[in-house]
Amino acid sequence: MATSHDITQFTDFLQRSPSAFHAAANVRDELVRAGFTEDLGVTPGGHVHASGGAVIAWWIPETPNPGFRIVGSHTDSPGLMVKPDPDVEREGFRQVAVEVYGGPILTSWFDRELTFAGRIALLDGTTRLVTTGPVARVPNLAIHLYRGDVPEIDRQIHMQPVQLSDRPLVDIVAERAGVASDEIVAHELICADAQAPEVIGDTLSAGRLDNLSSVWASTSALRRAVHEQPRDVLVLAAFNHEEVGSASVTGAGGPLLERILTTIAAAIGDPVDVFAHSTMVSADAAHAVHPNYPGKHDPTHRPLMNHGPVLKINANQRYASDAVTEAVWIRAARAAGVPVQTFVGHNAVPCGSTIGPIASTRLGIPTVDVGIPLLSMHSARELAGVTDQIWFEDALTAYFVGQ
């Protein structure tokens, strides 16, 4: 079984990545330290490019085979996004105006110390990353003031955090960024749970496991795989805006990855041939069977935590897996000595989706959907198995190497 020592690099990455922008920058920095060059180059070796909360990295061997091995994931997580004019005063409290981003479990955001994190745009045209530290909280209504069921949550009224400081949020952000308040002309800031990740036995409790578990696993796998000198071109693609549909410049539905792949393909051979010999792994968190709601799961496909990464299949193309790409994943997992579980949705229960169908449709590259099983997906604080995370890194490494 994996130990807490094995998972420390991942928990450190989680703590340093409260927003998509931080996650992309941290992946870039990890790969630069590993010898990658921050550029758009097509020469042999490692290259990395971060933009708008997304990051693409690629490694080209000296004599490459005509094909890509791609692992795609996403850097963003559901939460509460700060509105352009955030300062609100109600009943003597200073509050922060927020907009719900994606599909968070709203009740999970109550009574937590919240930090605001993301990027700010300055008057001189530059941007900076910023994290405020714990400065706000969405307080629950005391149980004495209602009877019966929990009151229905009004997203506009009940989700506005109470600021725990009597200073405007922009002033706090400016101080943390080391600039004057009037230098900030725009911002993209999201709430994050300020509590650090916790490893308890073989279980990890943390925010943003969907989908930084996949972002980190692919980063770790890429660093490890290049030392094996594989013959294919290895690509890491971590997109922004998956939680809101991927339709953005830095989302999986945008042009970022396609442009980079097309440039590389033209440099190493016939682009049509290169794309025809490529595969992609769409790495995104999966659903573990919930012990209190077992009926929500298919009776014959029941992923458990710490029993291995999950292969995700859906007949209605909510996932991109098919028989051929499923075999690609199973071969890689077996080569790494990693068990494989399978998720298929209950016919009467809605099913989520991933970047897989979007990216594979845009690129025309066969894709398989996989991920580690979670409980409390889209909560402010999710639950995963430590062993699953370690195994996922091992299986992705084997896929990159070509096993």
Protein backbone atom coordinates (compact mmCIF):
# COMPACT_ATOMS: atom_id res chain seq x y z
CA MET A 1 0.00 0.00 0.00
CA ALA A 2 1.10 3.59 -0.62
CA THR A 3 2.17 5.77 2.27
CA SER A 4 1.69 9.43 3.16
CA HIS A 5 5.34 9.99 2.19
CA ASP A 6 4.58 8.88 -1.39
CA ILE A 7 1.77 11.44 -1.72
CA THR A 8 3.58 14.50 -0.31
CA GLN A 9 4.52 15.99 -3.68
CA PHE A 10 0.88 15.84 -4.74
CA THR A 11 -0.49 17.39 -1.55
CA ASP A 12 2.10 20.17 -1.83
CA PHE A 13 0.95 20.78 -5.42
CA LEU A 14 -2.68 20.91 -4.27
CA GLN A 15 -1.88 23.45 -1.57
CA ARG A 16 0.04 25.63 -4.03
CA SER A 17 -2.72 25.46 -6.66
CA PRO A 18 -5.88 27.16 -5.33
CA SER A 19 -6.91 28.28 -8.84
CA ALA A 20 -6.56 27.05 -12.42
CA PHE A 21 -4.00 29.80 -13.05
CA HIS A 22 -1.84 28.64 -10.15
CA ALA A 23 -2.13 24.99 -11.23
CA ALA A 24 -1.00 25.75 -14.79
CA ALA A 25 1.90 27.89 -13.57
CA ASN A 26 2.98 25.20 -11.10
CA VAL A 27 2.98 22.50 -13.79
CA ARG A 28 5.07 24.77 -16.01
CA ASP A 29 7.53 25.43 -13.18
CA GLU A 30 7.77 21.71 -12.29
CA LEU A 31 8.65 20.84 -15.88
CA VAL A 32 11.11 23.72 -16.28
CA ARG A 33 12.93 22.41 -13.19
CA ALA A 34 12.93 19.00 -14.89
CA GLY A 35 14.74 20.45 -17.92
CA PHE A 36 11.87 21.54 -20.16
CA THR A 37 12.20 24.86 -22.00
CA GLU A 38 9.43 27.44 -21.77
CA ASP A 39 8.85 28.04 -25.47
CA LEU A 40 6.92 26.80 -28.52
CA GLY A 41 9.85 24.85 -29.94
CA VAL A 42 9.85 21.74 -32.10
CA THR A 43 13.44 20.64 -31.51
CA PRO A 44 14.25 17.39 -29.65
CA GLY A 45 13.74 17.71 -25.89
CA GLY A 46 11.05 19.11 -23.61
CA HIS A 47 8.98 22.24 -24.20
CA VAL A 48 6.19 23.81 -22.15
CA HIS A 49 3.71 26.65 -22.70
CA ALA A 50 1.24 28.01 -20.10
CA SER A 51 -1.60 30.35 -21.05
CA GLY A 52 -4.75 31.50 -19.28
CA GLY A 53 -4.98 28.70 -16.75
CA ALA A 54 -4.05 26.02 -19.31
CA VAL A 55 -0.67 24.38 -19.87
CA ILE A 56 0.63 22.29 -22.77
CA ALA A 57 3.94 20.43 -22.56
CA TRP A 58 5.62 18.16 -25.10
CA TRP A 59 8.76 16.07 -25.36
CA ILE A 60 10.25 15.19 -28.75
CA PRO A 61 12.79 12.34 -29.05
CA GLU A 62 15.88 12.62 -31.26
CA THR A 63 14.33 10.35 -33.89
CA PRO A 64 10.59 10.42 -33.22
CA ASN A 65 8.02 7.92 -34.38
CA PRO A 66 5.16 9.54 -36.33
CA GLY A 67 2.67 9.73 -33.50
CA PHE A 68 1.61 11.52 -30.30
CA ARG A 69 0.90 10.00 -26.90
CA ILE A 70 -1.28 12.61 -25.19
CA VAL A 71 -2.66 12.85 -21.67
CA GLY A 72 -5.35 15.52 -21.32
CA SER A 73 -6.89 16.85 -18.12
CA HIS A 74 -8.27 20.11 -16.73
CA THR A 75 -7.01 22.62 -14.18
CA ASP A 76 -10.30 24.20 -13.08
CA SER A 77 -12.69 23.10 -10.32
CA PRO A 78 -16.24 24.19 -9.40
CA GLY A 79 -16.57 27.02 -6.92
CA LEU A 80 -17.54 30.65 -6.36
CA MET A 81 -16.09 33.21 -8.78
CA VAL A 82 -15.69 36.82 -7.62
CA LYS A 83 -17.76 39.32 -9.61
CA PRO A 84 -16.09 42.39 -11.20
CA ASP A 85 -17.41 44.77 -8.49
CA PRO A 86 -17.15 42.53 -5.42
CA ASP A 87 -17.82 44.81 -2.43
CA VAL A 88 -21.30 44.53 -0.91
CA GLU A 89 -22.55 45.80 2.47
CA ARG A 90 -25.58 44.18 4.12
CA GLU A 91 -26.77 44.42 7.71
CA GLY A 92 -23.46 45.86 8.85
CA PHE A 93 -21.38 43.11 7.18
CA ARG A 94 -18.95 43.50 4.31
CA GLN A 95 -19.59 40.75 1.78
CA VAL A 96 -18.04 39.58 -1.48
CA ALA A 97 -20.29 39.32 -4.54
CA VAL A 98 -19.71 35.97 -6.24
CA GLU A 99 -21.04 34.03 -9.21
CA VAL A 100 -21.42 30.25 -9.07
CA TYR A 101 -18.80 28.63 -11.35
CA GLY A 102 -19.64 25.21 -12.72
CA GLY A 103 -21.62 22.74 -10.62
CA PRO A 104 -20.35 22.84 -7.03
CA ILE A 105 -22.15 21.12 -4.15
CA LEU A 106 -23.30 24.41 -2.66
CA THR A 107 -23.87 23.15 0.89
CA SER A 108 -20.21 22.09 1.11
CA TRP A 109 -19.07 25.72 0.86
CA PHE A 110 -20.81 26.82 4.06
CA ASP A 111 -18.86 27.37 7.28
CA ARG A 112 -15.40 27.04 5.73
CA GLU A 113 -12.60 29.57 5.85
CA LEU A 114 -12.20 30.67 2.24
CA THR A 115 -9.30 32.13 0.33
CA PHE A 116 -9.60 34.01 -2.97
CA ALA A 117 -7.09 33.07 -5.63
CA GLY A 118 -6.47 33.63 -9.32
CA ARG A 119 -4.97 36.31 -11.51
CA ILE A 120 -5.21 40.08 -11.69
CA ALA A 121 -4.67 42.28 -14.74
CA LEU A 122 -2.78 45.53 -14.18
CA LEU A 123 -2.93 48.90 -15.86
CA ASP A 124 0.46 48.31 -17.51
CA GLY A 125 -0.88 45.23 -19.34
CA THR A 126 0.80 42.61 -17.14
CA THR A 127 -0.86 39.94 -15.00
CA ARG A 128 0.02 38.50 -11.60
CA LEU A 129 -1.09 35.49 -9.61
CA VAL A 130 -2.46 36.17 -6.16
CA THR A 131 -3.83 34.31 -3.13
CA THR A 132 -5.40 36.22 -0.25
CA GLY A 133 -5.27 33.57 2.46
CA PRO A 134 -8.40 32.89 4.58
CA VAL A 135 -10.46 36.08 4.53
CA ALA A 136 -14.11 35.03 4.13
CA ARG A 137 -16.81 32.53 5.07
CA VAL A 138 -20.33 31.62 3.89
CA PRO A 139 -22.17 31.23 7.21
CA ASN A 140 -25.03 28.80 7.69
CA LEU A 141 -28.34 29.92 9.15
CA ALA A 142 -28.62 28.82 12.78
CA ILE A 143 -30.90 25.80 13.14
CA HIS A 144 -33.01 27.66 15.72
CA LEU A 145 -34.24 30.00 12.97
CA TYR A 146 -35.86 27.30 10.83
CA ARG A 147 -37.72 24.07 11.42
CA GLY A 148 -37.98 20.95 9.28
CA ASP A 149 -35.91 20.49 6.16
CA VAL A 150 -32.84 22.58 5.37
CA PRO A 151 -33.87 25.84 3.69
CA GLU A 152 -33.55 25.96 -0.09
CA ILE A 153 -30.37 27.74 -1.18
CA ASP A 154 -30.85 30.85 -3.29
CA ARG A 155 -27.63 31.19 -5.30
CA GLN A 156 -27.90 34.95 -5.53
CA ILE A 157 -28.71 35.64 -1.88
CA HIS A 158 -27.32 32.82 0.26
CA MET A 159 -23.94 32.12 -1.37
CA GLN A 160 -22.35 35.54 -0.88
CA PRO A 161 -19.40 35.13 1.53
CA VAL A 162 -19.06 37.34 4.58
CA GLN A 163 -15.66 38.98 4.54
CA LEU A 164 -13.73 38.53 7.79
CA SER A 165 -11.89 41.82 7.36
CA ASP A 166 -13.32 45.33 7.14
CA ARG A 167 -11.18 46.20 4.13
CA PRO A 168 -12.34 46.09 0.50
CA LEU A 169 -11.32 42.85 -1.17
CA VAL A 170 -9.41 44.69 -3.90
CA ASP A 171 -7.21 46.30 -1.23
CA ILE A 172 -6.39 42.90 0.28
CA VAL A 173 -5.63 41.49 -3.18
CA ALA A 174 -3.45 44.49 -4.06
CA GLU A 175 -1.47 44.17 -0.84
CA ARG A 176 -0.86 40.45 -1.45
CA ALA A 177 0.23 41.16 -5.02
CA GLY A 178 2.51 44.04 -4.02
CA VAL A 179 0.73 46.65 -6.13
CA ALA A 180 -1.50 49.68 -5.54
CA SER A 181 -5.25 49.10 -5.64
CA ASP A 182 -5.73 51.51 -8.53
CA GLU A 183 -3.27 49.50 -10.65
CA ILE A 184 -5.72 46.56 -10.76
CA VAL A 185 -8.08 46.94 -13.72
CA ALA A 186 -9.57 43.41 -13.84
CA HIS A 187 -9.44 40.10 -12.00
CA GLU A 188 -10.36 36.42 -12.24
CA LEU A 189 -10.57 35.19 -8.65
CA ILE A 190 -12.22 32.05 -7.33
CA CYS A 191 -12.89 30.86 -3.77
CA ALA A 192 -10.92 27.91 -2.45
CA ASP A 193 -11.10 26.03 0.82
CA ALA A 194 -8.23 27.35 2.94
CA GLN A 195 -7.79 24.08 4.85
CA ALA A 196 -4.69 22.10 3.85
CA PRO A 197 -5.02 18.60 2.37
CA GLU A 198 -5.09 15.83 4.97
CA VAL A 199 -3.80 12.27 4.55
CA ILE A 200 -5.53 9.92 6.98
CA GLY A 201 -4.32 6.36 6.62
CA ASP A 202 -4.68 5.53 2.92
CA THR A 203 -7.24 8.26 2.30
CA LEU A 204 -6.74 11.83 1.07
CA SER A 205 -9.17 14.63 1.95
CA ALA A 206 -8.72 17.84 -0.05
CA GLY A 207 -10.29 20.36 -2.35
CA ARG A 208 -9.84 20.29 -6.15
CA LEU A 209 -9.12 16.56 -6.45
CA ASP A 210 -11.39 16.90 -9.47
CA ASN A 211 -9.26 17.36 -11.40
CA LEU A 212 -5.83 18.21 -10.01
CA SER A 213 -5.43 14.51 -9.24
CA SER A 214 -5.13 14.01 -13.00
CA VAL A 215 -3.09 17.16 -13.65
CA TRP A 216 -0.45 16.09 -11.14
CA ALA A 217 -0.48 12.43 -12.19
CA SER A 218 0.17 13.42 -15.82
CA THR A 219 2.92 15.86 -14.79
CA SER A 220 4.65 13.23 -12.67
CA ALA A 221 4.25 10.63 -15.43
CA LEU A 222 5.74 12.91 -18.09
CA ARG A 223 8.79 13.69 -15.93
CA ARG A 224 9.37 10.00 -15.33
CA ALA A 225 8.69 8.82 -18.88
CA VAL A 226 11.25 11.03 -20.62
CA HIS A 227 14.04 9.25 -18.76
CA GLU A 228 13.02 6.04 -20.55
CA GLN A 229 13.71 7.72 -23.93
CA PRO A 230 10.44 6.65 -25.64
CA ARG A 231 10.15 6.97 -29.42
CA ASP A 232 6.75 8.74 -29.58
CA VAL A 233 6.17 12.45 -29.02
CA LEU A 234 4.77 12.82 -25.48
CA VAL A 235 2.20 15.53 -24.79
CA LEU A 236 0.60 16.83 -21.59
CA ALA A 237 -2.48 19.03 -22.07
CA ALA A 238 -4.18 20.52 -19.00
CA PHE A 239 -7.07 22.75 -20.08
CA ASN A 240 -9.09 25.44 -18.31
CA HIS A 241 -12.91 25.82 -18.25
CA GLU A 242 -13.87 22.12 -18.40
CA GLU A 243 -16.36 22.66 -15.58
CA VAL A 244 -18.29 25.16 -17.72
CA GLY A 245 -18.20 23.36 -21.05
CA SER A 246 -14.63 23.76 -22.40
CA ALA A 247 -15.72 26.35 -25.00
CA SER A 248 -12.94 28.92 -24.55
CA VAL A 249 -9.55 29.87 -25.97
CA THR A 250 -7.85 27.77 -23.27
CA GLY A 251 -10.51 25.05 -23.07
CA ALA A 252 -10.48 21.63 -24.72
CA GLY A 253 -12.91 22.95 -27.32
CA GLY A 254 -10.53 25.76 -28.25
CA PRO A 255 -7.61 25.85 -30.69
CA LEU A 256 -4.64 25.75 -28.29
CA LEU A 257 -3.69 22.06 -28.42
CA GLU A 258 -4.56 21.60 -32.10
CA ARG A 259 -2.27 24.45 -33.15
CA ILE A 260 0.66 23.09 -31.15
CA LEU A 261 0.16 19.51 -32.36
CA THR A 262 -0.13 20.65 -35.98
CA THR A 263 3.14 22.58 -35.71
CA ILE A 264 4.95 19.61 -34.16
CA ALA A 265 3.49 17.16 -36.70
CA ALA A 266 4.70 19.28 -39.61
CA ALA A 267 8.19 19.35 -38.12
CA ILE A 268 8.55 15.58 -37.63
CA GLY A 269 6.78 14.18 -40.70
CA ASP A 270 3.52 14.08 -42.62
CA PRO A 271 0.87 15.64 -40.30
CA VAL A 272 -1.83 13.29 -41.57
CA ASP A 273 0.34 10.28 -40.77
CA VAL A 274 1.34 11.66 -37.36
CA PHE A 275 -2.27 12.23 -36.29
CA ALA A 276 -3.28 8.82 -37.65
CA HIS A 277 -0.75 7.12 -35.37
CA SER A 278 -1.71 9.07 -32.22
CA THR A 279 -3.74 8.22 -29.12
CA MET A 280 -4.99 10.23 -26.17
CA VAL A 281 -5.87 9.54 -22.55
CA SER A 282 -8.54 11.84 -21.14
CA ALA A 283 -7.70 11.89 -17.43
CA ASP A 284 -10.51 13.03 -15.13
CA ALA A 285 -11.81 11.93 -11.76
CA ALA A 286 -14.35 9.08 -11.56
CA HIS A 287 -17.13 8.17 -9.13
CA ALA A 288 -16.43 5.68 -6.36
CA VAL A 289 -19.41 3.72 -5.05
CA HIS A 290 -21.01 5.69 -2.22
CA PRO A 291 -21.77 3.42 0.76
CA ASN A 292 -24.84 5.47 1.74
CA TYR A 293 -26.25 5.63 -1.81
CA PRO A 294 -25.30 2.30 -3.44
CA GLY A 295 -28.44 2.35 -5.59
CA LYS A 296 -27.05 5.28 -7.58
CA HIS A 297 -24.47 2.96 -9.14
CA ASP A 298 -24.73 0.26 -11.79
CA PRO A 299 -25.02 -3.15 -10.09
CA THR A 300 -22.12 -4.69 -12.07
CA HIS A 301 -19.71 -1.74 -12.37
CA ARG A 302 -18.85 -0.51 -8.90
CA PRO A 303 -15.47 1.24 -8.52
CA LEU A 304 -14.03 1.28 -5.00
CA MET A 305 -11.42 3.60 -3.53
CA ASN A 306 -7.89 2.15 -3.38
CA HIS A 307 -8.78 -0.61 -5.84
CA GLY A 308 -7.20 1.05 -8.88
CA PRO A 309 -7.81 3.78 -11.47
CA VAL A 310 -11.13 3.64 -13.31
CA LEU A 311 -11.78 3.08 -17.01
CA LYS A 312 -14.91 5.10 -17.92
CA ILE A 313 -17.32 3.89 -20.60
CA ASN A 314 -20.60 5.34 -21.88
CA ALA A 315 -22.64 4.14 -24.86
CA ASN A 316 -23.96 7.66 -25.45
CA GLN A 317 -20.46 9.11 -25.88
CA ARG A 318 -20.32 11.04 -22.63
CA TYR A 319 -16.90 9.40 -22.46
CA ALA A 320 -14.66 8.83 -25.50
CA SER A 321 -13.55 5.27 -24.69
CA ASP A 322 -14.01 2.53 -27.29
CA ALA A 323 -12.79 -1.07 -27.46
CA VAL A 324 -9.50 -0.15 -29.15
CA THR A 325 -8.56 2.64 -26.74
CA GLU A 326 -9.74 0.64 -23.75
CA ALA A 327 -7.19 -2.00 -24.77
CA VAL A 328 -4.48 0.69 -24.95
CA TRP A 329 -5.19 1.63 -21.33
CA ILE A 330 -5.44 -1.94 -20.07
CA ARG A 331 -2.07 -2.80 -21.66
CA ALA A 332 -0.42 0.21 -20.00
CA ALA A 333 -1.96 -0.58 -16.61
CA ARG A 334 -0.89 -4.22 -16.78
CA ALA A 335 2.64 -3.23 -17.77
CA ALA A 336 2.76 -1.03 -14.65
CA GLY A 337 1.24 -3.72 -12.41
CA VAL A 338 -1.82 -1.53 -11.77
CA PRO A 339 -5.36 -2.96 -11.36
CA VAL A 340 -8.14 -1.55 -13.56
CA GLN A 341 -11.72 -0.87 -12.49
CA THR A 342 -14.59 0.04 -14.82
CA PHE A 343 -17.32 2.67 -14.45
CA VAL A 344 -20.55 2.51 -16.44
CA GLY A 345 -23.43 4.67 -15.30
CA HIS A 346 -26.74 3.47 -13.89
CA ASN A 347 -29.32 3.77 -16.69
CA ALA A 348 -31.65 5.84 -14.51
CA VAL A 349 -28.96 8.20 -13.14
CA PRO A 350 -27.46 11.14 -15.09
CA CYS A 351 -23.84 10.80 -16.22
CA GLY A 352 -21.17 13.51 -16.30
CA SER A 353 -18.72 14.05 -19.14
CA THR A 354 -15.09 15.05 -19.69
CA ILE A 355 -12.75 16.71 -22.15
CA GLY A 356 -12.48 13.32 -23.89
CA PRO A 357 -15.39 13.59 -26.37
CA ILE A 358 -14.62 17.27 -27.01
CA ALA A 359 -10.89 16.94 -27.65
CA SER A 360 -11.14 13.70 -29.62
CA THR A 361 -13.83 15.17 -31.87
CA ARG A 362 -11.76 18.28 -32.54
CA LEU A 363 -8.47 16.43 -33.10
CA GLY A 364 -9.68 13.17 -34.65
CA ILE A 365 -7.47 11.22 -32.22
CA PRO A 366 -8.78 7.99 -30.59
CA THR A 367 -9.22 8.60 -26.86
CA VAL A 368 -9.87 6.67 -23.66
CA ASP A 369 -11.39 8.16 -20.49
CA VAL A 370 -9.84 7.22 -17.14
CA GLY A 371 -9.40 8.65 -13.63
CA ILE A 372 -9.13 7.89 -9.93
CA PRO A 373 -12.37 7.20 -8.01
CA LEU A 374 -13.62 9.92 -5.65
CA LEU A 375 -16.33 10.44 -3.08
CA SER A 376 -17.95 13.89 -2.71
CA MET A 377 -17.06 14.94 -6.26
CA HIS A 378 -17.62 18.71 -6.73
CA SER A 379 -17.61 19.29 -3.00
CA ALA A 380 -15.38 21.99 -1.55
CA ARG A 381 -13.53 19.02 -0.04
CA GLU A 382 -13.37 15.67 -1.82
CA LEU A 383 -12.11 12.22 -0.82
CA ALA A 384 -9.70 9.94 -2.71
CA GLY A 385 -7.53 6.89 -2.13
CA VAL A 386 -3.79 7.49 -1.77
CA THR A 387 -2.96 4.18 -3.46
CA ASP A 388 -5.16 5.04 -6.46
CA GLN A 389 -3.22 8.26 -7.00
CA ILE A 390 0.13 6.49 -6.91
CA TRP A 391 -1.13 3.75 -9.24
CA PHE A 392 -2.53 6.36 -11.63
CA GLU A 393 0.89 8.00 -11.96
CA ASP A 394 2.43 4.57 -12.63
CA ALA A 395 -0.12 3.65 -15.31
CA LEU A 396 0.17 7.02 -17.08
CA THR A 397 3.95 6.64 -17.07
CA ALA A 398 3.61 3.24 -18.76
CA TYR A 399 1.25 4.74 -21.34
CA PHE A 400 3.71 7.53 -22.14
CA VAL A 401 6.60 5.08 -22.43
CA GLY A 402 4.57 2.99 -24.88
CA GLN A 403 4.09 -0.18 -22.92
